[in-house]
Amino acid sequence: MKNIYRHTERGFEKLTSLATAILGNSITFIIALGTVIFWLTNKRFYTQDIHSAIGDVILGVTFLYLFIIQKSFIHFSASLHLKVNELVASHKAASNAVINAEEKTEDEITELSKEYAELSEQIKDVEQENILNQFHKTEVNDQ
């Protein structure tokens, strides 16, 4: 059962990656723009009442914004990933396991997230220990 779930998840991730790439493509936007222009210049559009025409214009603009927002998100996401990858790569003590995390599966990201949560807890414990040690040292020095 778990194997089926993993296979389904990988298939869905590939599908979403493909859909994201298609929706963020400039050619797709040009096709969508052509479709909207065709619809708005169609004779049927001019025979509608004003309320339907306004609704169609709003629908067309919203439809085009879908592609614009997707393209913008892809650009922003790619630049953010590059910046994070540069920060990770430039820090000697950092783990390179998170470089290109956007290409990892959801399960791999969840596993990395758990590892970093455990690491965070360990760091908190060490910091609390250091604070207690410093507090005890100051008490000893005061006496």
C-alpha atoms as a PDB file:
ATOM      1  CA  MET A   1       0.000   0.000   0.000  1.00  0.00           C
ATOM      2  CA  LYS A   2       2.835   2.358   0.873  1.00  0.00           C
ATOM      3  CA  ASN A   3       4.496   1.598  -2.459  1.00  0.00           C
ATOM      4  CA  ILE A   4       1.314   2.571  -4.330  1.00  0.00           C
ATOM      5  CA  TYR A   5       1.143   5.821  -2.370  1.00  0.00           C
ATOM      6  CA  ARG A   6       4.789   6.644  -3.161  1.00  0.00           C
ATOM      7  CA  HIS A   7       4.243   5.878  -6.836  1.00  0.00           C
ATOM      8  CA  THR A   8       1.113   8.058  -6.892  1.00  0.00           C
ATOM      9  CA  GLU A   9       2.919  10.919  -5.151  1.00  0.00           C
ATOM     10  CA  ARG A  10       5.810  10.829  -7.627  1.00  0.00           C
ATOM     11  CA  GLY A  11       3.356  10.810 -10.528  1.00  0.00           C
ATOM     12  CA  PHE A  12       1.477  13.767  -9.054  1.00  0.00           C
ATOM     13  CA  GLU A  13       4.708  15.688  -8.482  1.00  0.00           C
ATOM     14  CA  LYS A  14       5.708  15.127 -12.112  1.00  0.00           C
ATOM     15  CA  LEU A  15       2.245  16.249 -13.247  1.00  0.00           C
ATOM     16  CA  THR A  16       2.385  19.434 -11.176  1.00  0.00           C
ATOM     17  CA  SER A  17       5.898  20.198 -12.420  1.00  0.00           C
ATOM     18  CA  LEU A  18       4.715  19.782 -15.993  1.00  0.00           C
ATOM     19  CA  ALA A  19       1.627  21.937 -15.414  1.00  0.00           C
ATOM     20  CA  THR A  20       3.744  24.637 -13.761  1.00  0.00           C
ATOM     21  CA  ALA A  21       6.187  24.646 -16.667  1.00  0.00           C
ATOM     22  CA  ILE A  22       3.363  24.858 -19.215  1.00  0.00           C
ATOM     23  CA  LEU A  23       1.420  27.604 -17.416  1.00  0.00           C
ATOM     24  CA  GLY A  24       4.558  29.686 -16.898  1.00  0.00           C
ATOM     25  CA  ASN A  25       5.672  29.455 -20.514  1.00  0.00           C
ATOM     26  CA  SER A  26       5.594  32.574 -22.721  1.00  0.00           C
ATOM     27  CA  ILE A  27       4.189  30.612 -25.670  1.00  0.00           C
ATOM     28  CA  THR A  28       1.259  29.463 -23.533  1.00  0.00           C
ATOM     29  CA  PHE A  29       0.543  33.066 -22.586  1.00  0.00           C
ATOM     30  CA  ILE A  30       0.560  34.118 -26.250  1.00  0.00           C
ATOM     31  CA  ILE A  31      -1.881  31.300 -27.088  1.00  0.00           C
ATOM     32  CA  ALA A  32      -4.120  32.340 -24.188  1.00  0.00           C
ATOM     33  CA  LEU A  33      -3.969  35.990 -25.278  1.00  0.00           C
ATOM     34  CA  GLY A  34      -4.922  34.979 -28.813  1.00  0.00           C
ATOM     35  CA  THR A  35      -7.829  32.929 -27.467  1.00  0.00           C
ATOM     36  CA  VAL A  36      -9.103  35.842 -25.372  1.00  0.00           C
ATOM     37  CA  ILE A  37      -8.779  38.288 -28.282  1.00  0.00           C
ATOM     38  CA  PHE A  38     -10.603  35.842 -30.550  1.00  0.00           C
ATOM     39  CA  TRP A  39     -13.405  35.481 -28.009  1.00  0.00           C
ATOM     40  CA  LEU A  40     -13.726  39.226 -27.440  1.00  0.00           C
ATOM     41  CA  THR A  41     -13.787  40.010 -31.193  1.00  0.00           C
ATOM     42  CA  ASN A  42     -16.273  37.264 -31.949  1.00  0.00           C
ATOM     43  CA  LYS A  43     -19.639  38.378 -33.348  1.00  0.00           C
ATOM     44  CA  ARG A  44     -21.393  36.493 -30.561  1.00  0.00           C
ATOM     45  CA  PHE A  45     -19.622  38.690 -27.987  1.00  0.00           C
ATOM     46  CA  TYR A  46     -21.105  41.863 -29.503  1.00  0.00           C
ATOM     47  CA  THR A  47     -24.661  40.482 -29.514  1.00  0.00           C
ATOM     48  CA  GLN A  48     -24.643  39.942 -25.732  1.00  0.00           C
ATOM     49  CA  ASP A  49     -26.089  42.391 -23.273  1.00  0.00           C
ATOM     50  CA  ILE A  50     -23.656  44.697 -21.485  1.00  0.00           C
ATOM     51  CA  HIS A  51     -23.577  42.663 -18.250  1.00  0.00           C
ATOM     52  CA  SER A  52     -22.525  39.470 -20.036  1.00  0.00           C
ATOM     53  CA  ALA A  53     -19.938  41.382 -22.065  1.00  0.00           C
ATOM     54  CA  ILE A  54     -18.409  42.894 -18.919  1.00  0.00           C
ATOM     55  CA  GLY A  55     -18.372  39.452 -17.311  1.00  0.00           C
ATOM     56  CA  ASP A  56     -16.576  38.016 -20.340  1.00  0.00           C
ATOM     57  CA  VAL A  57     -13.966  40.795 -20.279  1.00  0.00           C
ATOM     58  CA  ILE A  58     -13.350  40.217 -16.571  1.00  0.00           C
ATOM     59  CA  LEU A  59     -13.095  36.471 -17.169  1.00  0.00           C
ATOM     60  CA  GLY A  60     -10.601  37.017 -20.009  1.00  0.00           C
ATOM     61  CA  VAL A  61      -8.417  39.346 -17.946  1.00  0.00           C
ATOM     62  CA  THR A  62      -8.498  36.938 -14.988  1.00  0.00           C
ATOM     63  CA  PHE A  63      -7.594  34.060 -17.293  1.00  0.00           C
ATOM     64  CA  LEU A  64      -4.566  35.972 -18.595  1.00  0.00           C
ATOM     65  CA  TYR A  65      -3.502  36.915 -15.077  1.00  0.00           C
ATOM     66  CA  LEU A  66      -3.234  33.219 -14.250  1.00  0.00           C
ATOM     67  CA  PHE A  67      -0.376  32.910 -16.734  1.00  0.00           C
ATOM     68  CA  ILE A  68       1.267  36.161 -15.664  1.00  0.00           C
ATOM     69  CA  ILE A  69       1.214  35.212 -11.985  1.00  0.00           C
ATOM     70  CA  GLN A  70       2.563  31.744 -12.749  1.00  0.00           C
ATOM     71  CA  LYS A  71       5.444  33.181 -14.791  1.00  0.00           C
ATOM     72  CA  SER A  72       6.205  35.662 -12.020  1.00  0.00           C
ATOM     73  CA  PHE A  73       6.139  32.903  -9.389  1.00  0.00           C
ATOM     74  CA  ILE A  74       8.495  30.697 -11.402  1.00  0.00           C
ATOM     75  CA  HIS A  75      10.947  33.601 -11.794  1.00  0.00           C
ATOM     76  CA  PHE A  76      10.766  34.534  -8.103  1.00  0.00           C
ATOM     77  CA  SER A  77      11.064  30.923  -6.970  1.00  0.00           C
ATOM     78  CA  ALA A  78      14.066  30.213  -9.198  1.00  0.00           C
ATOM     79  CA  SER A  79      15.915  33.335  -8.024  1.00  0.00           C
ATOM     80  CA  LEU A  80      15.152  32.529  -4.379  1.00  0.00           C
ATOM     81  CA  HIS A  81      16.440  28.976  -4.809  1.00  0.00           C
ATOM     82  CA  LEU A  82      19.648  30.281  -6.384  1.00  0.00           C
ATOM     83  CA  LYS A  83      20.218  32.675  -3.495  1.00  0.00           C
ATOM     84  CA  VAL A  84      19.621  29.997  -0.869  1.00  0.00           C
ATOM     85  CA  ASN A  85      21.842  27.543  -2.728  1.00  0.00           C
ATOM     86  CA  GLU A  86      24.605  30.159  -2.836  1.00  0.00           C
ATOM     87  CA  LEU A  87      24.305  30.775   0.903  1.00  0.00           C
ATOM     88  CA  VAL A  88      24.408  27.066   1.695  1.00  0.00           C
ATOM     89  CA  ALA A  89      27.302  26.418  -0.665  1.00  0.00           C
ATOM     90  CA  SER A  90      29.336  29.328   0.716  1.00  0.00           C
ATOM     91  CA  HIS A  91      29.060  28.208   4.343  1.00  0.00           C
ATOM     92  CA  LYS A  92      31.616  25.497   5.093  1.00  0.00           C
ATOM     93  CA  ALA A  93      29.733  24.007   8.046  1.00  0.00           C
ATOM     94  CA  ALA A  94      26.403  23.846   6.210  1.00  0.00           C
ATOM     95  CA  SER A  95      24.982  20.586   4.945  1.00  0.00           C
ATOM     96  CA  ASN A  96      24.794  20.379   1.178  1.00  0.00           C
ATOM     97  CA  ALA A  97      21.762  18.081   1.470  1.00  0.00           C
ATOM     98  CA  VAL A  98      19.454  21.078   1.076  1.00  0.00           C
ATOM     99  CA  ILE A  99      20.997  22.373  -2.122  1.00  0.00           C
ATOM    100  CA  ASN A 100      18.445  21.981  -4.914  1.00  0.00           C
ATOM    101  CA  ALA A 101      15.754  21.054  -2.390  1.00  0.00           C
ATOM    102  CA  GLU A 102      13.147  22.164  -4.935  1.00  0.00           C
ATOM    103  CA  GLU A 103      13.994  19.060  -6.961  1.00  0.00           C
ATOM    104  CA  LYS A 104      13.440  16.681  -4.041  1.00  0.00           C
ATOM    105  CA  THR A 105      10.214  14.773  -3.503  1.00  0.00           C
ATOM    106  CA  GLU A 106       7.799  15.782  -0.779  1.00  0.00           C
ATOM    107  CA  ASP A 107       8.841  12.778   1.329  1.00  0.00           C
ATOM    108  CA  GLU A 108      12.519  13.726   1.051  1.00  0.00           C
ATOM    109  CA  ILE A 109      11.723  17.307   2.073  1.00  0.00           C
ATOM    110  CA  THR A 110       9.679  16.076   5.041  1.00  0.00           C
ATOM    111  CA  GLU A 111      12.573  13.842   6.123  1.00  0.00           C
ATOM    112  CA  LEU A 112      15.066  16.731   5.844  1.00  0.00           C
ATOM    113  CA  SER A 113      12.676  18.940   7.808  1.00  0.00           C
ATOM    114  CA  LYS A 114      12.548  16.354  10.623  1.00  0.00           C
ATOM    115  CA  GLU A 115      16.339  16.147  10.686  1.00  0.00           C
ATOM    116  CA  TYR A 116      16.639  19.919  10.963  1.00  0.00           C
ATOM    117  CA  ALA A 117      14.009  20.023  13.723  1.00  0.00           C
ATOM    118  CA  GLU A 118      16.054  17.461  15.689  1.00  0.00           C
ATOM    119  CA  LEU A 119      19.225  19.468  15.045  1.00  0.00           C
ATOM    120  CA  SER A 120      17.469  22.598  16.286  1.00  0.00           C
ATOM    121  CA  GLU A 121      16.483  20.827  19.511  1.00  0.00           C
ATOM    122  CA  GLN A 122      20.071  19.661  20.026  1.00  0.00           C
ATOM    123  CA  ILE A 123      21.343  23.218  19.529  1.00  0.00           C
ATOM    124  CA  LYS A 124      18.802  24.554  22.039  1.00  0.00           C
ATOM    125  CA  ASP A 125      19.928  21.966  24.576  1.00  0.00           C
ATOM    126  CA  VAL A 126      23.593  22.908  24.081  1.00  0.00           C
ATOM    127  CA  GLU A 127      22.792  26.615  24.370  1.00  0.00           C
ATOM    128  CA  GLN A 128      20.819  26.067  27.586  1.00  0.00           C
ATOM    129  CA  GLU A 129      23.698  24.010  28.979  1.00  0.00           C
ATOM    130  CA  ASN A 130      26.146  26.821  28.142  1.00  0.00           C
ATOM    131  CA  ILE A 131      23.930  29.389  29.841  1.00  0.00           C
ATOM    132  CA  LEU A 132      23.687  27.249  32.979  1.00  0.00           C
ATOM    133  CA  ASN A 133      27.466  26.707  33.014  1.00  0.00           C
ATOM    134  CA  GLN A 134      28.095  30.431  32.712  1.00  0.00           C
ATOM    135  CA  PHE A 135      25.571  31.128  35.479  1.00  0.00           C
ATOM    136  CA  HIS A 136      27.313  28.623  37.785  1.00  0.00           C
ATOM    137  CA  LYS A 137      30.724  30.127  36.989  1.00  0.00           C
ATOM    138  CA  THR A 138      29.530  33.605  37.925  1.00  0.00           C
ATOM    139  CA  GLU A 139      28.073  32.264  41.198  1.00  0.00           C
ATOM    140  CA  VAL A 140      31.368  30.580  42.064  1.00  0.00           C
ATOM    141  CA  ASN A 141      33.343  33.726  41.229  1.00  0.00           C
ATOM    142  CA  ASP A 142      31.020  35.883  43.343  1.00  0.00           C
ATOM    143  CA  GLN A 143      31.564  33.701  46.419  1.00  0.00           C
END
